[in-house]
Amino acid sequence: MGQIGNPSHVDRGRIIVPAAVLSGYGAGYLLWRLVGVVTFWGAFALGTVVCILVAWKLAIWFERRDWAKRSAEEKQRRADEVAETQRQIAAMKAEG
């Protein structure tokens, strides 16, 4: 529980790497056990491809999620600046 405030607690690598490795291992293992004609190297190749694809898709998903968050924050910051400028213009008109 002490790690909740730590920025690395939600590091992408802590999620992407185990998910990719487990899915690649699972796909290779299932192919090796369920398809009798597949050699170890065929299962290993499929597991490697699945591992790479899962890591790639998760990395893209996390990047899009972070981009959307940054975009929303920037949009809010701009809206706050416009509102402050409008307030200052109204104050200047009221003085003059």
C-alpha atoms as a PDB file:
ATOM      1  CA  MET A   1       0.000   0.000   0.000  1.00  0.00           C
ATOM      2  CA  GLY A   2       2.963   2.291   0.452  1.00  0.00           C
ATOM      3  CA  GLN A   3       3.651   2.215  -3.278  1.00  0.00           C
ATOM      4  CA  ILE A   4       0.337   3.760  -4.364  1.00  0.00           C
ATOM      5  CA  GLY A   5       1.748   7.292  -4.535  1.00  0.00           C
ATOM      6  CA  ASN A   6       4.882   6.126  -6.327  1.00  0.00           C
ATOM      7  CA  PRO A   7       4.828   7.158 -10.032  1.00  0.00           C
ATOM      8  CA  SER A   8       6.406   3.864 -11.086  1.00  0.00           C
ATOM      9  CA  HIS A   9       3.558   1.982  -9.406  1.00  0.00           C
ATOM     10  CA  VAL A  10       1.521   2.278 -12.606  1.00  0.00           C
ATOM     11  CA  ASP A  11       4.467   2.021 -14.960  1.00  0.00           C
ATOM     12  CA  ARG A  12       3.394   0.562 -18.296  1.00  0.00           C
ATOM     13  CA  GLY A  13       6.144  -2.035 -18.269  1.00  0.00           C
ATOM     14  CA  ARG A  14       4.816  -3.598 -15.085  1.00  0.00           C
ATOM     15  CA  ILE A  15       1.615  -4.382 -16.939  1.00  0.00           C
ATOM     16  CA  ILE A  16       2.701  -4.887 -20.548  1.00  0.00           C
ATOM     17  CA  VAL A  17       5.612  -7.287 -20.028  1.00  0.00           C
ATOM     18  CA  PRO A  18       3.846  -9.862 -17.831  1.00  0.00           C
ATOM     19  CA  ALA A  19       0.695  -9.738 -19.978  1.00  0.00           C
ATOM     20  CA  ALA A  20       2.676 -10.238 -23.186  1.00  0.00           C
ATOM     21  CA  VAL A  21       4.840 -13.022 -21.777  1.00  0.00           C
ATOM     22  CA  LEU A  22       1.909 -14.916 -20.285  1.00  0.00           C
ATOM     23  CA  SER A  23      -0.193 -14.650 -23.432  1.00  0.00           C
ATOM     24  CA  GLY A  24       2.717 -15.723 -25.636  1.00  0.00           C
ATOM     25  CA  TYR A  25       3.493 -18.661 -23.377  1.00  0.00           C
ATOM     26  CA  GLY A  26      -0.160 -19.668 -23.263  1.00  0.00           C
ATOM     27  CA  ALA A  27      -0.573 -19.520 -27.037  1.00  0.00           C
ATOM     28  CA  GLY A  28       2.597 -21.523 -27.649  1.00  0.00           C
ATOM     29  CA  TYR A  29       1.744 -24.099 -25.020  1.00  0.00           C
ATOM     30  CA  LEU A  30      -1.795 -24.584 -26.317  1.00  0.00           C
ATOM     31  CA  LEU A  31      -0.569 -24.985 -29.883  1.00  0.00           C
ATOM     32  CA  TRP A  32       2.095 -27.479 -28.828  1.00  0.00           C
ATOM     33  CA  ARG A  33      -0.325 -29.572 -26.742  1.00  0.00           C
ATOM     34  CA  LEU A  34      -3.426 -29.392 -28.937  1.00  0.00           C
ATOM     35  CA  VAL A  35      -1.914 -29.748 -32.411  1.00  0.00           C
ATOM     36  CA  GLY A  36       0.035 -32.977 -32.637  1.00  0.00           C
ATOM     37  CA  VAL A  37       2.108 -32.189 -35.730  1.00  0.00           C
ATOM     38  CA  VAL A  38       3.601 -28.960 -34.366  1.00  0.00           C
ATOM     39  CA  THR A  39       7.178 -29.114 -33.127  1.00  0.00           C
ATOM     40  CA  PHE A  40       8.544 -27.219 -30.159  1.00  0.00           C
ATOM     41  CA  TRP A  41      10.001 -24.588 -32.485  1.00  0.00           C
ATOM     42  CA  GLY A  42       6.662 -23.990 -34.164  1.00  0.00           C
ATOM     43  CA  ALA A  43       5.010 -23.438 -30.806  1.00  0.00           C
ATOM     44  CA  PHE A  44       7.915 -21.237 -29.734  1.00  0.00           C
ATOM     45  CA  ALA A  45       7.590 -19.140 -32.907  1.00  0.00           C
ATOM     46  CA  LEU A  46       3.846 -18.692 -32.403  1.00  0.00           C
ATOM     47  CA  GLY A  47       4.387 -17.767 -28.749  1.00  0.00           C
ATOM     48  CA  THR A  48       6.994 -15.204 -29.732  1.00  0.00           C
ATOM     49  CA  VAL A  49       4.727 -13.632 -32.337  1.00  0.00           C
ATOM     50  CA  VAL A  50       1.800 -13.495 -29.916  1.00  0.00           C
ATOM     51  CA  CYS A  51       4.045 -11.992 -27.231  1.00  0.00           C
ATOM     52  CA  ILE A  52       5.248  -9.249 -29.585  1.00  0.00           C
ATOM     53  CA  LEU A  53       1.748  -8.465 -30.850  1.00  0.00           C
ATOM     54  CA  VAL A  54       0.245  -8.256 -27.367  1.00  0.00           C
ATOM     55  CA  ALA A  55       3.061  -5.991 -26.162  1.00  0.00           C
ATOM     56  CA  TRP A  56       2.648  -3.775 -29.217  1.00  0.00           C
ATOM     57  CA  LYS A  57      -1.138  -3.480 -28.866  1.00  0.00           C
ATOM     58  CA  LEU A  58      -0.957  -2.782 -25.127  1.00  0.00           C
ATOM     59  CA  ALA A  59       1.736  -0.140 -25.645  1.00  0.00           C
ATOM     60  CA  ILE A  60      -0.415   1.592 -28.258  1.00  0.00           C
ATOM     61  CA  TRP A  61      -3.457   1.402 -25.966  1.00  0.00           C
ATOM     62  CA  PHE A  62      -1.571   2.956 -23.048  1.00  0.00           C
ATOM     63  CA  GLU A  63      -0.101   5.681 -25.264  1.00  0.00           C
ATOM     64  CA  ARG A  64      -3.526   6.627 -26.655  1.00  0.00           C
ATOM     65  CA  ARG A  65      -4.964   6.682 -23.152  1.00  0.00           C
ATOM     66  CA  ASP A  66      -2.175   8.975 -21.927  1.00  0.00           C
ATOM     67  CA  TRP A  67      -2.528  11.179 -24.997  1.00  0.00           C
ATOM     68  CA  ALA A  68      -6.267  11.583 -24.388  1.00  0.00           C
ATOM     69  CA  LYS A  69      -5.598  12.545 -20.770  1.00  0.00           C
ATOM     70  CA  ARG A  70      -2.938  15.100 -21.761  1.00  0.00           C
ATOM     71  CA  SER A  71      -5.211  16.465 -24.481  1.00  0.00           C
ATOM     72  CA  ALA A  72      -8.100  16.927 -22.054  1.00  0.00           C
ATOM     73  CA  GLU A  73      -5.815  18.679 -19.555  1.00  0.00           C
ATOM     74  CA  GLU A  74      -4.491  21.004 -22.268  1.00  0.00           C
ATOM     75  CA  LYS A  75      -8.027  21.768 -23.447  1.00  0.00           C
ATOM     76  CA  GLN A  76      -9.073  22.611 -19.894  1.00  0.00           C
ATOM     77  CA  ARG A  77      -6.004  24.825 -19.426  1.00  0.00           C
ATOM     78  CA  ARG A  78      -6.843  26.728 -22.616  1.00  0.00           C
ATOM     79  CA  ALA A  79     -10.464  27.149 -21.543  1.00  0.00           C
ATOM     80  CA  ASP A  80      -9.285  28.522 -18.181  1.00  0.00           C
ATOM     81  CA  GLU A  81      -6.977  30.995 -19.948  1.00  0.00           C
ATOM     82  CA  VAL A  82      -9.788  32.179 -22.227  1.00  0.00           C
ATOM     83  CA  ALA A  83     -12.127  32.603 -19.251  1.00  0.00           C
ATOM     84  CA  GLU A  84      -9.478  34.576 -17.354  1.00  0.00           C
ATOM     85  CA  THR A  85      -8.853  36.791 -20.390  1.00  0.00           C
ATOM     86  CA  GLN A  86     -12.595  37.409 -20.771  1.00  0.00           C
ATOM     87  CA  ARG A  87     -12.815  38.283 -17.081  1.00  0.00           C
ATOM     88  CA  GLN A  88      -9.932  40.740 -17.361  1.00  0.00           C
ATOM     89  CA  ILE A  89     -11.451  42.369 -20.456  1.00  0.00           C
ATOM     90  CA  ALA A  90     -14.789  42.741 -18.677  1.00  0.00           C
ATOM     91  CA  ALA A  91     -13.028  44.267 -15.643  1.00  0.00           C
ATOM     92  CA  MET A  92     -11.156  46.741 -17.854  1.00  0.00           C
ATOM     93  CA  LYS A  93     -14.393  47.774 -19.622  1.00  0.00           C
ATOM     94  CA  ALA A  94     -16.111  48.253 -16.276  1.00  0.00           C
ATOM     95  CA  GLU A  95     -13.292  50.564 -15.074  1.00  0.00           C
ATOM     96  CA  GLY A  96     -13.226  52.662 -18.227  1.00  0.00           C
END
